Amino acid sequence: MSQRLPRVTAAEVIRVLEKRGFTLVRQSGSHRIYKDVDGKRVTVAFHSGKVLHPKVVKSILRDANLTVEEFAQLLKSN
């Protein structure tokens, strides 16, 4: 059985993405678009301090090709 999705803010998601090699390529309003060296694109809706909806987190993880377990592990490591 898979782990539950953590309740996280956009800033926490961005920290994890940057650990995985994603870099900010552009911003359109409140949406920040990140890409990695393989060209995978992830869009994060950035609203300071607000917790992201679980469906949004799931979509980001799918786009970044991360499992919930990998995400949780990266989130814990500073």
PDB file of N, CA and C in Angstrom:
ATOM      1  N   MET A   1       0.848  -1.183   0.000  1.00  0.00           N
ATOM      2  CA  MET A   1       0.000   0.000   0.000  1.00  0.00           C
ATOM      3  C   MET A   1       0.888   1.238   0.000  1.00  0.00           C
ATOM      4  N   SER A   2       0.524   2.207  -0.794  1.00  0.00           N
ATOM      5  CA  SER A   2       1.363   3.398  -0.898  1.00  0.00           C
ATOM      6  C   SER A   2       1.106   4.368   0.260  1.00  0.00           C
ATOM      7  N   GLN A   3       2.079   5.188   0.448  1.00  0.00           N
ATOM      8  CA  GLN A   3       2.035   6.174   1.523  1.00  0.00           C
ATOM      9  C   GLN A   3       1.060   7.297   1.167  1.00  0.00           C
ATOM     10  N   ARG A   4       0.493   7.936   2.176  1.00  0.00           N
ATOM     11  CA  ARG A   4      -0.410   9.064   1.936  1.00  0.00           C
ATOM     12  C   ARG A   4       0.368  10.264   1.436  1.00  0.00           C
ATOM     13  N   LEU A   5      -0.285  11.092   0.640  1.00  0.00           N
ATOM     14  CA  LEU A   5       0.343  12.319   0.148  1.00  0.00           C
ATOM     15  C   LEU A   5       0.543  13.291   1.306  1.00  0.00           C
ATOM     16  N   PRO A   6       1.739  13.847   1.427  1.00  0.00           N
ATOM     17  CA  PRO A   6       1.956  14.826   2.492  1.00  0.00           C
ATOM     18  C   PRO A   6       1.280  16.154   2.169  1.00  0.00           C
ATOM     19  N   ARG A   7       0.888  16.876   3.189  1.00  0.00           N
ATOM     20  CA  ARG A   7       0.319  18.220   3.012  1.00  0.00           C
ATOM     21  C   ARG A   7       1.495  19.190   2.986  1.00  0.00           C
ATOM     22  N   VAL A   8       1.745  19.794   1.847  1.00  0.00           N
ATOM     23  CA  VAL A   8       2.919  20.645   1.671  1.00  0.00           C
ATOM     24  C   VAL A   8       2.555  21.955   0.989  1.00  0.00           C
ATOM     25  N   THR A   9       3.434  22.939   1.170  1.00  0.00           N
ATOM     26  CA  THR A   9       3.279  24.217   0.479  1.00  0.00           C
ATOM     27  C   THR A   9       4.051  24.157  -0.835  1.00  0.00           C
ATOM     28  N   ALA A  10       3.824  25.126  -1.684  1.00  0.00           N
ATOM     29  CA  ALA A  10       4.526  25.193  -2.961  1.00  0.00           C
ATOM     30  C   ALA A  10       6.029  25.349  -2.738  1.00  0.00           C
ATOM     31  N   ALA A  11       6.436  26.109  -1.718  1.00  0.00           N
ATOM     32  CA  ALA A  11       7.859  26.297  -1.441  1.00  0.00           C
ATOM     33  C   ALA A  11       8.539  24.971  -1.117  1.00  0.00           C
ATOM     34  N   GLU A  12       7.850  24.105  -0.375  1.00  0.00           N
ATOM     35  CA  GLU A  12       8.411  22.792  -0.040  1.00  0.00           C
ATOM     36  C   GLU A  12       8.534  21.920  -1.288  1.00  0.00           C
ATOM     37  N   VAL A  13       7.542  21.971  -2.157  1.00  0.00           N
ATOM     38  CA  VAL A  13       7.579  21.208  -3.407  1.00  0.00           C
ATOM     39  C   VAL A  13       8.741  21.691  -4.265  1.00  0.00           C
ATOM     40  N   ILE A  14       8.925  23.000  -4.344  1.00  0.00           N
ATOM     41  CA  ILE A  14       9.997  23.569  -5.151  1.00  0.00           C
ATOM     42  C   ILE A  14      11.360  23.130  -4.625  1.00  0.00           C
ATOM     43  N   ARG A  15      11.529  23.092  -3.298  1.00  0.00           N
ATOM     44  CA  ARG A  15      12.793  22.627  -2.716  1.00  0.00           C
ATOM     45  C   ARG A  15      13.112  21.205  -3.150  1.00  0.00           C
ATOM     46  N   VAL A  16      12.099  20.342  -3.136  1.00  0.00           N
ATOM     47  CA  VAL A  16      12.286  18.952  -3.550  1.00  0.00           C
ATOM     48  C   VAL A  16      12.625  18.878  -5.037  1.00  0.00           C
ATOM     49  N   LEU A  17      11.911  19.635  -5.859  1.00  0.00           N
ATOM     50  CA  LEU A  17      12.185  19.630  -7.298  1.00  0.00           C
ATOM     51  C   LEU A  17      13.615  20.084  -7.590  1.00  0.00           C
ATOM     52  N   GLU A  18      14.069  21.113  -6.887  1.00  0.00           N
ATOM     53  CA  GLU A  18      15.428  21.606  -7.102  1.00  0.00           C
ATOM     54  C   GLU A  18      16.467  20.577  -6.672  1.00  0.00           C
ATOM     55  N   LYS A  19      16.161  19.796  -5.636  1.00  0.00           N
ATOM     56  CA  LYS A  19      17.060  18.705  -5.230  1.00  0.00           C
ATOM     57  C   LYS A  19      17.161  17.653  -6.326  1.00  0.00           C
ATOM     58  N   ARG A  20      16.075  17.468  -7.082  1.00  0.00           N
ATOM     59  CA  ARG A  20      16.046  16.488  -8.164  1.00  0.00           C
ATOM     60  C   ARG A  20      16.591  17.037  -9.484  1.00  0.00           C
ATOM     61  N   GLY A  21      17.086  18.270  -9.479  1.00  0.00           N
ATOM     62  CA  GLY A  21      17.711  18.813 -10.682  1.00  0.00           C
ATOM     63  C   GLY A  21      16.824  19.686 -11.547  1.00  0.00           C
ATOM     64  N   PHE A  22      15.647  20.032 -11.077  1.00  0.00           N
ATOM     65  CA  PHE A  22      14.770  20.923 -11.828  1.00  0.00           C
ATOM     66  C   PHE A  22      15.194  22.366 -11.586  1.00  0.00           C
ATOM     67  N   THR A  23      15.106  23.186 -12.623  1.00  0.00           N
ATOM     68  CA  THR A  23      15.429  24.602 -12.494  1.00  0.00           C
ATOM     69  C   THR A  23      14.269  25.438 -13.038  1.00  0.00           C
ATOM     70  N   LEU A  24      14.111  26.617 -12.463  1.00  0.00           N
ATOM     71  CA  LEU A  24      13.057  27.534 -12.896  1.00  0.00           C
ATOM     72  C   LEU A  24      13.403  28.063 -14.284  1.00  0.00           C
ATOM     73  N   VAL A  25      12.498  27.876 -15.241  1.00  0.00           N
ATOM     74  CA  VAL A  25      12.744  28.387 -16.591  1.00  0.00           C
ATOM     75  C   VAL A  25      11.918  29.632 -16.892  1.00  0.00           C
ATOM     76  N   ARG A  26      10.728  29.705 -16.296  1.00  0.00           N
ATOM     77  CA  ARG A  26       9.926  30.912 -16.489  1.00  0.00           C
ATOM     78  C   ARG A  26       8.784  30.926 -15.486  1.00  0.00           C
ATOM     79  N   GLN A  27       8.099  32.065 -15.437  1.00  0.00           N
ATOM     80  CA  GLN A  27       6.950  32.214 -14.561  1.00  0.00           C
ATOM     81  C   GLN A  27       5.853  32.916 -15.336  1.00  0.00           C
ATOM     82  N   SER A  28       4.638  32.437 -15.159  1.00  0.00           N
ATOM     83  CA  SER A  28       3.484  33.048 -15.804  1.00  0.00           C
ATOM     84  C   SER A  28       2.449  33.302 -14.719  1.00  0.00           C
ATOM     85  N   GLY A  29       2.391  34.527 -14.242  1.00  0.00           N
ATOM     86  CA  GLY A  29       1.507  34.851 -13.131  1.00  0.00           C
ATOM     87  C   GLY A  29       1.975  34.138 -11.885  1.00  0.00           C
ATOM     88  N   SER A  30       1.098  33.345 -11.268  1.00  0.00           N
ATOM     89  CA  SER A  30       1.466  32.628 -10.053  1.00  0.00           C
ATOM     90  C   SER A  30       1.999  31.227 -10.353  1.00  0.00           C
ATOM     91  N   HIS A  31       2.112  30.869 -11.617  1.00  0.00           N
ATOM     92  CA  HIS A  31       2.594  29.541 -11.990  1.00  0.00           C
ATOM     93  C   HIS A  31       4.074  29.591 -12.346  1.00  0.00           C
ATOM     94  N   ARG A  32       4.855  28.756 -11.656  1.00  0.00           N
ATOM     95  CA  ARG A  32       6.283  28.660 -11.923  1.00  0.00           C
ATOM     96  C   ARG A  32       6.533  27.358 -12.680  1.00  0.00           C
ATOM     97  N   ILE A  33       7.247  27.477 -13.800  1.00  0.00           N
ATOM     98  CA  ILE A  33       7.502  26.328 -14.652  1.00  0.00           C
ATOM     99  C   ILE A  33       8.961  25.910 -14.476  1.00  0.00           C
ATOM    100  N   TYR A  34       9.149  24.640 -14.134  1.00  0.00           N
ATOM    101  CA  TYR A  34      10.474  24.061 -13.899  1.00  0.00           C
ATOM    102  C   TYR A  34      10.749  22.988 -14.938  1.00  0.00           C
ATOM    103  N   LYS A  35      12.031  22.866 -15.342  1.00  0.00           N
ATOM    104  CA  LYS A  35      12.444  21.812 -16.264  1.00  0.00           C
ATOM    105  C   LYS A  35      13.711  21.162 -15.737  1.00  0.00           C
ATOM    106  N   ASP A  36      13.896  19.885 -16.117  1.00  0.00           N
ATOM    107  CA  ASP A  36      15.148  19.210 -15.777  1.00  0.00           C
ATOM    108  C   ASP A  36      15.968  19.033 -17.057  1.00  0.00           C
ATOM    109  N   VAL A  37      17.125  18.392 -16.937  1.00  0.00           N
ATOM    110  CA  VAL A  37      18.022  18.250 -18.091  1.00  0.00           C
ATOM    111  C   VAL A  37      17.426  17.371 -19.184  1.00  0.00           C
ATOM    112  N   ASP A  38      16.511  16.471 -18.830  1.00  0.00           N
ATOM    113  CA  ASP A  38      15.861  15.608 -19.824  1.00  0.00           C
ATOM    114  C   ASP A  38      14.708  16.308 -20.535  1.00  0.00           C
ATOM    115  N   GLY A  39      14.339  17.509 -20.079  1.00  0.00           N
ATOM    116  CA  GLY A  39      13.259  18.252 -20.696  1.00  0.00           C
ATOM    117  C   GLY A  39      11.900  18.049 -20.053  1.00  0.00           C
ATOM    118  N   LYS A  40      11.846  17.280 -18.942  1.00  0.00           N
ATOM    119  CA  LYS A  40      10.570  17.114 -18.229  1.00  0.00           C
ATOM    120  C   LYS A  40      10.150  18.451 -17.650  1.00  0.00           C
ATOM    121  N   ARG A  41       8.875  18.783 -17.803  1.00  0.00           N
ATOM    122  CA  ARG A  41       8.365  20.066 -17.330  1.00  0.00           C
ATOM    123  C   ARG A  41       7.367  19.848 -16.201  1.00  0.00           C
ATOM    124  N   VAL A  42       7.510  20.681 -15.154  1.00  0.00           N
ATOM    125  CA  VAL A  42       6.613  20.624 -14.010  1.00  0.00           C
ATOM    126  C   VAL A  42       6.142  22.047 -13.726  1.00  0.00           C
ATOM    127  N   THR A  43       4.836  22.219 -13.565  1.00  0.00           N
ATOM    128  CA  THR A  43       4.272  23.521 -13.245  1.00  0.00           C
ATOM    129  C   THR A  43       3.791  23.512 -11.798  1.00  0.00           C
ATOM    130  N   VAL A  44       4.217  24.530 -11.051  1.00  0.00           N
ATOM    131  CA  VAL A  44       3.830  24.649  -9.644  1.00  0.00           C
ATOM    132  C   VAL A  44       3.087  25.968  -9.454  1.00  0.00           C
ATOM    133  N   ALA A  45       1.853  25.881  -8.956  1.00  0.00           N
ATOM    134  CA  ALA A  45       1.085  27.090  -8.642  1.00  0.00           C
ATOM    135  C   ALA A  45       1.612  27.618  -7.309  1.00  0.00           C
ATOM    136  N   PHE A  46       2.237  28.788  -7.323  1.00  0.00           N
ATOM    137  CA  PHE A  46       2.893  29.306  -6.135  1.00  0.00           C
ATOM    138  C   PHE A  46       2.037  30.381  -5.473  1.00  0.00           C
ATOM    139  N   HIS A  47       1.538  30.048  -4.281  1.00  0.00           N
ATOM    140  CA  HIS A  47       0.811  30.994  -3.449  1.00  0.00           C
ATOM    141  C   HIS A  47       1.439  30.891  -2.073  1.00  0.00           C
ATOM    142  N   SER A  48       2.164  31.900  -1.687  1.00  0.00           N
ATOM    143  CA  SER A  48       2.987  31.879  -0.484  1.00  0.00           C
ATOM    144  C   SER A  48       2.221  31.430   0.755  1.00  0.00           C
ATOM    145  N   GLY A  49       2.733  30.369   1.389  1.00  0.00           N
ATOM    146  CA  GLY A  49       2.180  29.907   2.648  1.00  0.00           C
ATOM    147  C   GLY A  49       0.958  29.020   2.554  1.00  0.00           C
ATOM    148  N   LYS A  50       0.341  28.885   1.375  1.00  0.00           N
ATOM    149  CA  LYS A  50      -0.860  28.071   1.249  1.00  0.00           C
ATOM    150  C   LYS A  50      -0.491  26.616   0.980  1.00  0.00           C
ATOM    151  N   VAL A  51      -1.226  25.722   1.608  1.00  0.00           N
ATOM    152  CA  VAL A  51      -1.016  24.285   1.417  1.00  0.00           C
ATOM    153  C   VAL A  51      -1.669  23.879   0.096  1.00  0.00           C
ATOM    154  N   LEU A  52      -0.932  23.110  -0.709  1.00  0.00           N
ATOM    155  CA  LEU A  52      -1.444  22.667  -2.000  1.00  0.00           C
ATOM    156  C   LEU A  52      -2.473  21.554  -1.823  1.00  0.00           C
ATOM    157  N   HIS A  53      -3.451  21.540  -2.694  1.00  0.00           N
ATOM    158  CA  HIS A  53      -4.465  20.491  -2.695  1.00  0.00           C
ATOM    159  C   HIS A  53      -3.788  19.159  -3.047  1.00  0.00           C
ATOM    160  N   PRO A  54      -4.214  18.061  -2.427  1.00  0.00           N
ATOM    161  CA  PRO A  54      -3.585  16.766  -2.711  1.00  0.00           C
ATOM    162  C   PRO A  54      -3.579  16.380  -4.192  1.00  0.00           C
ATOM    163  N   LYS A  55      -4.628  16.740  -4.927  1.00  0.00           N
ATOM    164  CA  LYS A  55      -4.657  16.429  -6.360  1.00  0.00           C
ATOM    165  C   LYS A  55      -3.578  17.195  -7.116  1.00  0.00           C
ATOM    166  N   VAL A  56      -3.285  18.407  -6.671  1.00  0.00           N
ATOM    167  CA  VAL A  56      -2.231  19.208  -7.291  1.00  0.00           C
ATOM    168  C   VAL A  56      -0.870  18.574  -7.002  1.00  0.00           C
ATOM    169  N   VAL A  57      -0.672  18.142  -5.762  1.00  0.00           N
ATOM    170  CA  VAL A  57       0.591  17.488  -5.393  1.00  0.00           C
ATOM    171  C   VAL A  57       0.769  16.206  -6.202  1.00  0.00           C
ATOM    172  N   LYS A  58      -0.297  15.430  -6.347  1.00  0.00           N
ATOM    173  CA  LYS A  58      -0.234  14.188  -7.116  1.00  0.00           C
ATOM    174  C   LYS A  58       0.131  14.464  -8.572  1.00  0.00           C
ATOM    175  N   SER A  59      -0.423  15.512  -9.150  1.00  0.00           N
ATOM    176  CA  SER A  59      -0.117  15.888 -10.522  1.00  0.00           C
ATOM    177  C   SER A  59       1.351  16.295 -10.671  1.00  0.00           C
ATOM    178  N   ILE A  60       1.856  17.053  -9.704  1.00  0.00           N
ATOM    179  CA  ILE A  60       3.258  17.481  -9.737  1.00  0.00           C
ATOM    180  C   ILE A  60       4.175  16.267  -9.644  1.00  0.00           C
ATOM    181  N   LEU A  61       3.852  15.337  -8.754  1.00  0.00           N
ATOM    182  CA  LEU A  61       4.677  14.133  -8.607  1.00  0.00           C
ATOM    183  C   LEU A  61       4.665  13.304  -9.888  1.00  0.00           C
ATOM    184  N   ARG A  62       3.509  13.205 -10.523  1.00  0.00           N
ATOM    185  CA  ARG A  62       3.412  12.466 -11.792  1.00  0.00           C
ATOM    186  C   ARG A  62       4.269  13.128 -12.863  1.00  0.00           C
ATOM    187  N   ASP A  63       4.181  14.455 -12.970  1.00  0.00           N
ATOM    188  CA  ASP A  63       4.960  15.184 -13.963  1.00  0.00           C
ATOM    189  C   ASP A  63       6.461  15.067 -13.717  1.00  0.00           C
ATOM    190  N   ALA A  64       6.859  15.036 -12.437  1.00  0.00           N
ATOM    191  CA  ALA A  64       8.281  14.959 -12.077  1.00  0.00           C
ATOM    192  C   ALA A  64       8.778  13.520 -12.023  1.00  0.00           C
ATOM    193  N   ASN A  65       7.880  12.555 -12.262  1.00  0.00           N
ATOM    194  CA  ASN A  65       8.226  11.143 -12.225  1.00  0.00           C
ATOM    195  C   ASN A  65       8.779  10.742 -10.852  1.00  0.00           C
ATOM    196  N   LEU A  66       8.090  11.177  -9.795  1.00  0.00           N
ATOM    197  CA  LEU A  66       8.454  10.860  -8.413  1.00  0.00           C
ATOM    198  C   LEU A  66       7.357  10.036  -7.764  1.00  0.00           C
ATOM    199  N   THR A  67       7.749   9.089  -6.921  1.00  0.00           N
ATOM    200  CA  THR A  67       6.759   8.370  -6.122  1.00  0.00           C
ATOM    201  C   THR A  67       6.535   9.153  -4.835  1.00  0.00           C
ATOM    202  N   VAL A  68       5.469   8.815  -4.135  1.00  0.00           N
ATOM    203  CA  VAL A  68       5.169   9.476  -2.862  1.00  0.00           C
ATOM    204  C   VAL A  68       6.296   9.202  -1.871  1.00  0.00           C
ATOM    205  N   GLU A  69       6.816   7.969  -1.891  1.00  0.00           N
ATOM    206  CA  GLU A  69       7.895   7.600  -0.978  1.00  0.00           C
ATOM    207  C   GLU A  69       9.159   8.407  -1.255  1.00  0.00           C
ATOM    208  N   GLU A  70       9.529   8.546  -2.546  1.00  0.00           N
ATOM    209  CA  GLU A  70      10.711   9.329  -2.917  1.00  0.00           C
ATOM    210  C   GLU A  70      10.527  10.792  -2.500  1.00  0.00           C
ATOM    211  N   PHE A  71       9.332  11.303  -2.750  1.00  0.00           N
ATOM    212  CA  PHE A  71       9.039  12.683  -2.409  1.00  0.00           C
ATOM    213  C   PHE A  71       9.165  12.911  -0.902  1.00  0.00           C
ATOM    214  N   ALA A  72       8.590  12.007  -0.115  1.00  0.00           N
ATOM    215  CA  ALA A  72       8.638  12.126   1.339  1.00  0.00           C
ATOM    216  C   ALA A  72      10.076  12.054   1.842  1.00  0.00           C
ATOM    217  N   GLN A  73      10.883  11.182   1.246  1.00  0.00           N
ATOM    218  CA  GLN A  73      12.287  11.051   1.639  1.00  0.00           C
ATOM    219  C   GLN A  73      13.058  12.328   1.331  1.00  0.00           C
ATOM    220  N   LEU A  74      12.849  12.901   0.151  1.00  0.00           N
ATOM    221  CA  LEU A  74      13.520  14.142  -0.234  1.00  0.00           C
ATOM    222  C   LEU A  74      13.044  15.309   0.634  1.00  0.00           C
ATOM    223  N   LEU A  75      11.793  15.264   1.026  1.00  0.00           N
ATOM    224  CA  LEU A  75      11.225  16.310   1.865  1.00  0.00           C
ATOM    225  C   LEU A  75      11.874  16.316   3.255  1.00  0.00           C
ATOM    226  N   LYS A  76      12.143  15.124   3.768  1.00  0.00           N
ATOM    227  CA  LYS A  76      12.760  14.991   5.095  1.00  0.00           C
ATOM    228  C   LYS A  76      14.218  15.420   5.098  1.00  0.00           C
ATOM    229  N   SER A  77      14.955  15.094   4.016  1.00  0.00           N
ATOM    230  CA  SER A  77      16.385  15.409   3.978  1.00  0.00           C
ATOM    231  C   SER A  77      16.589  16.887   3.707  1.00  0.00           C
ATOM    232  N   ASN A  78      17.424  17.520   4.517  1.00  0.00           N
ATOM    233  CA  ASN A  78      17.688  18.951   4.349  1.00  0.00           C
ATOM    234  C   ASN A  78      18.925  19.182   3.613  1.00  0.00           C
TER     235      ASN A  78
END
